Protein backbone atom coordinates (compact mmCIF):
# COMPACT_ATOMS: atom_id res chain seq x y z
CA MET A 1 14.58 -60.33 18.22
CA LYS A 2 17.65 -58.79 16.67
CA LYS A 3 16.04 -58.99 13.18
CA VAL A 4 12.87 -57.28 14.44
CA PHE A 5 14.94 -54.49 15.99
CA GLN A 6 16.98 -54.04 12.77
CA SER A 7 13.79 -54.05 10.69
CA GLY A 8 12.28 -51.42 12.98
CA LEU A 9 15.38 -49.22 12.64
CA MET A 10 15.30 -49.66 8.87
CA ILE A 11 11.64 -48.57 8.74
CA ILE A 12 12.36 -45.52 10.89
CA ALA A 13 15.36 -44.57 8.70
CA ILE A 14 13.26 -44.89 5.53
CA ALA A 15 10.51 -42.75 7.10
CA PHE A 16 13.05 -40.01 7.94
CA ILE A 17 14.43 -40.07 4.39
CA ILE A 18 10.94 -39.83 2.88
CA CYS A 19 9.98 -36.96 5.18
CA ALA A 20 13.23 -35.11 4.40
CA CYS A 21 12.65 -35.50 0.66
CA ASN A 22 9.06 -34.24 0.89
CA GLY A 23 10.03 -31.05 2.76
CA LYS A 24 9.31 -27.76 1.06
CA LYS A 25 12.20 -26.19 -0.78
CA GLU A 26 12.84 -22.62 0.34
CA GLU A 27 11.67 -20.04 -2.16
CA THR A 28 14.26 -17.68 -3.57
CA ASP A 29 14.08 -14.39 -5.44
CA SER A 30 15.69 -13.60 -8.81
CA LYS A 31 19.06 -13.07 -7.06
CA GLY A 32 18.89 -16.43 -5.29
CA ASN A 33 18.15 -14.85 -1.91
CA LYS A 34 15.82 -16.58 0.54
CA ILE A 35 12.32 -15.03 0.39
CA LEU A 36 11.21 -14.16 3.90
CA THR A 37 7.72 -13.17 2.77
CA GLU A 38 6.03 -12.64 -0.58
CA ARG A 39 3.77 -9.98 0.91
CA ILE A 40 4.10 -7.57 3.75
CA GLN A 41 2.06 -4.39 3.95
CA TYR A 42 2.68 -1.31 6.06
CA ASP A 43 2.05 2.43 6.12
CA VAL A 44 4.69 5.16 6.00
CA LEU A 45 4.11 8.82 6.75
CA ILE A 46 5.69 10.99 4.06
CA LYS A 47 4.93 14.28 5.85
CA THR A 48 5.83 14.49 9.51
CA PRO A 49 2.98 15.36 11.86
CA ASN A 50 5.48 16.66 14.42
CA PRO A 51 7.40 19.87 13.65
CA ASP A 52 9.89 19.03 16.43
CA PHE A 53 11.21 15.95 14.56
CA ASP A 54 14.33 16.16 12.43
CA TRP A 55 13.26 17.07 8.86
CA TRP A 56 13.89 13.54 7.56
CA VAL A 57 11.89 11.63 10.23
CA GLN A 58 8.59 10.44 8.71
CA ASN A 59 9.04 12.99 5.97
CA ILE A 60 10.01 13.51 2.35
CA GLU A 61 11.11 17.06 1.63
CA GLY A 62 8.18 19.14 0.31
CA SER A 63 9.01 19.54 -3.38
CA LYS A 64 10.15 15.91 -3.68
CA ARG A 65 6.99 14.71 -1.90
CA GLU A 66 4.80 16.78 -4.25
CA SER A 67 6.64 15.44 -7.31
CA PHE A 68 6.34 11.86 -6.00
CA ILE A 69 2.57 12.22 -5.49
CA LYS A 70 1.97 14.00 -8.81
CA THR A 71 3.94 11.32 -10.69
CA PHE A 72 1.71 8.49 -9.48
CA LEU A 73 -1.49 10.49 -9.90
CA GLN A 74 -0.57 11.46 -13.47
CA LEU A 75 0.38 7.89 -14.41
CA ALA A 76 -3.04 6.73 -13.20
CA TYR A 77 -4.90 9.68 -14.77
CA ASP A 78 -3.27 8.94 -18.14
CA GLY A 79 -3.94 5.20 -17.86
CA LYS A 80 -0.21 4.42 -18.09
CA VAL A 81 -0.53 2.29 -14.97
CA LYS A 82 -3.55 0.30 -13.87
CA ALA A 83 -5.14 1.60 -10.69
CA TYR A 84 -7.24 -0.46 -8.28
CA ASP A 85 -9.52 0.50 -5.41
CA TYR A 86 -8.96 -0.69 -1.83
CA PHE A 87 -10.64 -4.03 -2.65
CA ASN A 88 -8.54 -4.51 -5.83
CA ASN A 89 -11.35 -3.69 -8.25
CA PRO A 90 -9.94 -2.04 -11.40
CA LEU A 91 -10.47 1.71 -11.77
CA THR A 92 -10.67 3.59 -15.04
CA PRO A 93 -8.54 6.73 -15.45
CA GLU A 94 -11.78 8.76 -15.23
CA GLN A 95 -12.66 7.12 -11.90
CA VAL A 96 -9.19 7.92 -10.56
CA LYS A 97 -9.56 11.55 -11.68
CA ASN A 98 -12.84 11.77 -9.75
CA ILE A 99 -11.48 10.39 -6.49
CA ASP A 100 -12.37 12.84 -3.73
CA LYS A 101 -14.29 15.15 -6.09
CA ARG A 102 -17.64 16.21 -4.73
CA VAL A 103 -20.34 18.69 -5.51
CA ASP A 104 -22.55 19.67 -2.58
CA THR A 105 -25.40 22.13 -2.29
CA ILE A 106 -25.74 24.01 0.96
CA THR A 107 -28.38 26.51 1.99
CA VAL A 108 -27.11 29.78 3.48
CA PRO A 109 -28.73 33.11 4.30
CA ASP A 110 -28.89 35.40 1.29
CA PRO A 111 -26.35 38.21 1.89
CA ILE A 112 -28.66 40.77 0.28
CA ASN A 113 -31.94 39.72 1.87
CA GLN A 114 -31.36 37.99 5.22
CA ALA A 115 -35.01 36.85 5.31
CA LYS A 116 -34.35 34.52 2.38
CA ASN A 117 -32.06 31.55 1.99
CA LYS A 118 -29.88 30.89 -0.99
CA ASP A 119 -28.54 27.60 -2.33
CA THR A 120 -24.79 27.57 -2.86
CA ILE A 121 -22.90 24.93 -4.79
CA VAL A 122 -19.64 23.83 -3.18
CA LYS A 123 -17.15 21.89 -5.30
CA THR A 124 -14.26 20.02 -3.70
CA GLU A 125 -11.32 18.30 -5.35
CA LEU A 126 -8.46 16.16 -4.17
CA ASP A 127 -6.11 18.29 -2.05
CA LEU A 128 -2.55 17.09 -2.73
CA GLN A 129 -1.39 18.60 0.57
CA ARG A 130 -3.54 16.05 2.42
CA ILE A 131 -1.77 13.06 0.81
CA THR A 132 0.67 12.45 3.63
CA LYS A 133 0.88 8.68 3.89
CA VAL A 134 1.81 5.81 1.59
CA ARG A 135 0.92 2.14 2.03
CA PHE A 136 3.54 -0.24 0.66
CA LEU A 137 3.12 -3.86 -0.38
CA GLU A 138 6.54 -5.51 -0.55
CA GLU A 139 8.40 -8.78 -0.97
CA TRP A 140 11.27 -9.24 1.48
CA SER A 141 14.28 -11.47 0.89
CA LEU A 142 17.58 -12.08 2.63
CA ASP A 143 21.04 -13.12 1.48
CA GLU A 144 22.06 -14.96 4.66
CA LYS A 145 25.74 -15.21 3.66
CA LYS A 146 26.25 -11.48 3.08
CA MET A 147 23.42 -10.41 5.44
CA ASN A 148 21.91 -8.27 2.67
CA PHE A 149 18.23 -7.55 3.12
CA ASP A 150 16.22 -6.76 -0.06
CA LYS A 151 12.80 -5.16 -0.18
CA LYS A 152 10.99 -5.23 -3.51
CA VAL A 153 8.01 -2.87 -3.73
CA VAL A 154 5.21 -4.72 -5.53
CA GLY A 155 2.46 -2.20 -4.81
CA LEU A 156 1.84 1.30 -3.53
CA MET A 157 -1.25 3.12 -2.30
CA LEU A 158 -1.51 6.87 -1.75
CA MET A 159 -3.47 7.84 1.37
CA LYS A 160 -5.00 11.16 2.40
CA GLU A 161 -5.74 12.71 5.76
CA ASN A 162 -9.33 12.96 6.98
CA TYR A 163 -10.45 15.53 9.54
CA ASP A 164 -13.57 15.81 11.65
CA ASP A 165 -15.68 18.97 12.00
CA SER A 166 -13.33 20.21 14.74
CA ALA A 167 -10.31 19.96 12.41
CA GLN A 168 -8.91 17.01 14.35
CA LEU A 169 -7.17 14.29 12.36
CA ARG A 170 -9.61 11.38 12.21
CA GLY A 171 -7.45 9.00 10.17
CA TYR A 172 -6.42 8.26 6.60
CA SER A 173 -8.39 7.21 3.52
CA PRO A 174 -6.90 5.01 0.82
CA LEU A 175 -7.03 6.51 -2.67
CA PHE A 176 -5.95 3.67 -5.00
CA TRP A 177 -3.42 0.87 -5.45
CA ILE A 178 -0.80 0.73 -8.19
CA TYR A 179 1.08 -2.57 -8.62
CA PHE A 180 4.59 -2.92 -10.05
CA ASP A 181 4.46 -6.71 -10.36
CA ASP A 182 2.28 -8.16 -13.13
CA SER A 183 1.12 -11.02 -10.89
CA TYR A 184 -0.74 -8.55 -8.65
CA PRO A 185 -3.52 -8.07 -7.68
CA ALA A 186 -4.35 -11.68 -8.72
CA LYS A 187 -1.75 -12.89 -6.22
CA MET A 188 -3.74 -11.19 -3.44
CA LYS A 189 -6.63 -13.65 -3.72
């Protein structure tokens, strides 16, 4: 009976050793920090919707915000960075330049002869003032010894405000993704 008990303990000990050896090794970043997540995505307002907030709450100061937006638009317009739509389909620089451009024809009363109608062409372009939100895609890691938390931005999407006919904010529309890590967007699939 003693041999059976010892054999049983030996089998259990071997099983524990095998399980411990087959456990996943924690992933680390280039600094050796523990990766908490390879991907986390969230939105950040870069222009405060509330004038009563301190200037820095949900806000980047106006000229810096404009420069930030123009930098990413220009990089995509010039093809210096690869842009992707919401579904990670590649966009050409020309497609990026045409985001939010529209040509509509509306019929209005002729100002000279009210009995007649006149077609008017209305052209709209991307309004930089309406780009007030950014969506980040990041990798988070933690140095548990020093309690340093690192956030690596791997992607960024500019987002613009949308309004209904009553000028009420309806939500935000994504413009395009730019990735700063060569393994994206393939890593998204």
